[in-house]
Amino acid sequence: MEFWANLEHRLRYKKDLDSDILTQISEELTDCAETISDLDNRMQKIKDIIDN
């Protein structure tokens, strides 16, 4: 989470990036978040199987 927050902070506040690039990066970060969420759900299912 810290890496994610630092990256987003750098992209939004420390760089003067074109709005098209920010949109592209935002879409990529959204895709990453969805992938992470899917993986988290899968790992939780594995944990539930092990715990039962």
C-alpha atoms as a PDB file:
ATOM      1  CA  MET A   1       0.000   0.000   0.000  1.00  0.00           C
ATOM      2  CA  GLU A   2       2.829   2.396   0.791  1.00  0.00           C
ATOM      3  CA  PHE A   3       4.375   1.795  -2.641  1.00  0.00           C
ATOM      4  CA  TRP A   4       1.011   2.458  -4.276  1.00  0.00           C
ATOM      5  CA  ALA A   5       0.475   5.691  -2.321  1.00  0.00           C
ATOM      6  CA  ASN A   6       3.995   6.929  -3.053  1.00  0.00           C
ATOM      7  CA  LEU A   7       3.628   6.210  -6.755  1.00  0.00           C
ATOM      8  CA  GLU A   8       0.281   7.946  -6.992  1.00  0.00           C
ATOM      9  CA  HIS A   9       1.597  10.942  -5.048  1.00  0.00           C
ATOM     10  CA  ARG A  10       4.586  11.243  -7.378  1.00  0.00           C
ATOM     11  CA  LEU A  11       2.352  11.038 -10.435  1.00  0.00           C
ATOM     12  CA  ARG A  12      -0.190  13.571  -9.217  1.00  0.00           C
ATOM     13  CA  TYR A  13       1.831  16.148  -7.315  1.00  0.00           C
ATOM     14  CA  LYS A  14       5.473  16.016  -8.294  1.00  0.00           C
ATOM     15  CA  LYS A  15       5.203  15.749 -12.064  1.00  0.00           C
ATOM     16  CA  ASP A  16       3.658  18.054 -14.616  1.00  0.00           C
ATOM     17  CA  LEU A  17       2.257  15.303 -16.789  1.00  0.00           C
ATOM     18  CA  ASP A  18      -0.071  15.713 -19.731  1.00  0.00           C
ATOM     19  CA  SER A  19      -3.707  14.924 -18.909  1.00  0.00           C
ATOM     20  CA  ASP A  20      -3.729  12.131 -21.532  1.00  0.00           C
ATOM     21  CA  ILE A  21      -0.785  10.443 -19.815  1.00  0.00           C
ATOM     22  CA  LEU A  22      -2.484  10.830 -16.423  1.00  0.00           C
ATOM     23  CA  THR A  23      -5.627   9.242 -17.846  1.00  0.00           C
ATOM     24  CA  GLN A  24      -3.619   6.346 -19.280  1.00  0.00           C
ATOM     25  CA  ILE A  25      -1.794   5.806 -15.995  1.00  0.00           C
ATOM     26  CA  SER A  26      -5.043   6.070 -14.035  1.00  0.00           C
ATOM     27  CA  GLU A  27      -6.584   3.370 -16.221  1.00  0.00           C
ATOM     28  CA  GLU A  28      -3.523   1.165 -15.726  1.00  0.00           C
ATOM     29  CA  LEU A  29      -3.661   1.658 -11.953  1.00  0.00           C
ATOM     30  CA  THR A  30      -7.366   0.774 -11.989  1.00  0.00           C
ATOM     31  CA  ASP A  31      -6.545  -2.416 -13.881  1.00  0.00           C
ATOM     32  CA  CYS A  32      -3.814  -3.220 -11.351  1.00  0.00           C
ATOM     33  CA  ALA A  33      -6.247  -2.630  -8.482  1.00  0.00           C
ATOM     34  CA  GLU A  34      -8.755  -5.032 -10.042  1.00  0.00           C
ATOM     35  CA  THR A  35      -6.036  -7.659 -10.498  1.00  0.00           C
ATOM     36  CA  ILE A  36      -4.891  -7.243  -6.899  1.00  0.00           C
ATOM     37  CA  SER A  37      -8.468  -7.512  -5.653  1.00  0.00           C
ATOM     38  CA  ASP A  38      -9.008 -10.709  -7.645  1.00  0.00           C
ATOM     39  CA  LEU A  39      -5.801 -12.199  -6.267  1.00  0.00           C
ATOM     40  CA  ASP A  40      -6.766 -11.204  -2.727  1.00  0.00           C
ATOM     41  CA  ASN A  41     -10.136 -12.944  -3.133  1.00  0.00           C
ATOM     42  CA  ARG A  42      -8.456 -16.068  -4.485  1.00  0.00           C
ATOM     43  CA  MET A  43      -5.972 -16.144  -1.617  1.00  0.00           C
ATOM     44  CA  GLN A  44      -8.820 -15.732   0.882  1.00  0.00           C
ATOM     45  CA  LYS A  45     -10.613 -18.734  -0.650  1.00  0.00           C
ATOM     46  CA  ILE A  46      -7.455 -20.811  -0.266  1.00  0.00           C
ATOM     47  CA  LYS A  47      -7.135 -19.723   3.359  1.00  0.00           C
ATOM     48  CA  ASP A  48     -10.789 -20.608   3.978  1.00  0.00           C
ATOM     49  CA  ILE A  49     -10.245 -24.092   2.519  1.00  0.00           C
ATOM     50  CA  ILE A  50      -7.170 -24.622   4.710  1.00  0.00           C
ATOM     51  CA  ASP A  51      -8.950 -23.346   7.841  1.00  0.00           C
ATOM     52  CA  ASN A  52     -11.918 -25.657   7.331  1.00  0.00           C
END
